[in-house]
Structures are given as C-alpha cells and as structure tokens.
Amino acid sequence: MCGRNELVSRELLPGSSIPLLKRRKEISRDEAIRVWRETRQAGRVGCSPQW
C-alpha cells in the first residue's frame, strides 16, 4: 500500500480561530515516521480528529 505523506505547518494568528497554512511538503513514509517519533519525544500527544 503506497500512500501520500505530507508535512504541514500552520500558524494561528492573533484574533483568528482558524490556523493559516504556512507550508506543505510531500515526504516519504520513512521521513514521516522519523518526524512523528521526534515530535512524540518532544512531548506532543495525539488528539482525536478536529473535523
């Protein structure tokens, strides 16, 4: 199974309730797993979908 992985950065502007898309980059599955591990080790936790 081959999927598409994207690394997305967003910024919440003061006074806005919707984050703005700052950057989107397509990455490999291995890179996505590496980024997820680093993010988890930095203390981030997952959440349920927000839509």
C-alpha atoms as a PDB file:
ATOM      1  CA  MET A   1       0.000   0.000   0.000  1.00  0.00           C
ATOM      2  CA  CYS A   2       1.543   3.267  -1.103  1.00  0.00           C
ATOM      3  CA  GLY A   3       0.148   6.469   0.364  1.00  0.00           C
ATOM      4  CA  ARG A   4       0.976  10.112   0.155  1.00  0.00           C
ATOM      5  CA  ASN A   5       2.539  11.734   3.216  1.00  0.00           C
ATOM      6  CA  GLU A   6       2.540  15.462   3.747  1.00  0.00           C
ATOM      7  CA  LEU A   7       4.255  17.567   6.364  1.00  0.00           C
ATOM      8  CA  VAL A   8       2.047  20.585   7.035  1.00  0.00           C
ATOM      9  CA  SER A   9       2.927  23.656   9.097  1.00  0.00           C
ATOM     10  CA  ARG A  10       0.262  26.065  10.279  1.00  0.00           C
ATOM     11  CA  GLU A  11       0.223  29.305  12.233  1.00  0.00           C
ATOM     12  CA  LEU A  12      -2.580  30.635  14.426  1.00  0.00           C
ATOM     13  CA  LEU A  13      -2.746  34.390  14.006  1.00  0.00           C
ATOM     14  CA  PRO A  14      -3.852  36.590  16.920  1.00  0.00           C
ATOM     15  CA  GLY A  15      -7.628  37.121  16.874  1.00  0.00           C
ATOM     16  CA  SER A  16      -8.209  34.224  14.451  1.00  0.00           C
ATOM     17  CA  SER A  17      -9.781  30.883  15.298  1.00  0.00           C
ATOM     18  CA  ILE A  18      -8.584  29.180  12.098  1.00  0.00           C
ATOM     19  CA  PRO A  19      -4.881  28.402  11.559  1.00  0.00           C
ATOM     20  CA  LEU A  20      -3.291  29.593   8.339  1.00  0.00           C
ATOM     21  CA  LEU A  21      -1.415  27.128   6.146  1.00  0.00           C
ATOM     22  CA  LYS A  22       2.241  28.150   6.144  1.00  0.00           C
ATOM     23  CA  ARG A  23       3.997  25.278   4.378  1.00  0.00           C
ATOM     24  CA  ARG A  24       3.177  21.895   2.825  1.00  0.00           C
ATOM     25  CA  LYS A  25       5.839  19.388   1.784  1.00  0.00           C
ATOM     26  CA  GLU A  26       5.446  15.861   0.424  1.00  0.00           C
ATOM     27  CA  ILE A  27       7.707  13.409   2.275  1.00  0.00           C
ATOM     28  CA  SER A  28       8.476   9.693   2.194  1.00  0.00           C
ATOM     29  CA  ARG A  29       6.926   7.236   4.638  1.00  0.00           C
ATOM     30  CA  ASP A  30      10.271   6.761   6.410  1.00  0.00           C
ATOM     31  CA  GLU A  31      10.664  10.522   6.826  1.00  0.00           C
ATOM     32  CA  ALA A  32       7.077  10.809   8.141  1.00  0.00           C
ATOM     33  CA  ILE A  33       7.763   8.124  10.761  1.00  0.00           C
ATOM     34  CA  ARG A  34      11.004   9.847  11.800  1.00  0.00           C
ATOM     35  CA  VAL A  35       9.251  13.217  12.185  1.00  0.00           C
ATOM     36  CA  TRP A  36       6.406  11.606  14.181  1.00  0.00           C
ATOM     37  CA  ARG A  37       8.889   9.926  16.563  1.00  0.00           C
ATOM     38  CA  GLU A  38      10.788  13.181  17.108  1.00  0.00           C
ATOM     39  CA  THR A  39       7.526  15.023  17.734  1.00  0.00           C
ATOM     40  CA  ARG A  40       6.375  12.432  20.289  1.00  0.00           C
ATOM     41  CA  GLN A  41       9.761  12.502  22.047  1.00  0.00           C
ATOM     42  CA  ALA A  42       9.458  16.288  22.297  1.00  0.00           C
ATOM     43  CA  GLY A  43       6.267  15.813  24.341  1.00  0.00           C
ATOM     44  CA  ARG A  44       3.472  16.170  21.809  1.00  0.00           C
ATOM     45  CA  VAL A  45       0.470  13.874  22.173  1.00  0.00           C
ATOM     46  CA  GLY A  46      -2.119  12.865  19.597  1.00  0.00           C
ATOM     47  CA  CYS A  47      -5.708  14.043  19.652  1.00  0.00           C
ATOM     48  CA  SER A  48      -8.947  12.971  18.060  1.00  0.00           C
ATOM     49  CA  PRO A  49      -9.824  14.429  14.629  1.00  0.00           C
ATOM     50  CA  GLN A  50     -10.974  18.043  14.857  1.00  0.00           C
ATOM     51  CA  TRP A  51     -13.457  17.908  11.984  1.00  0.00           C
END
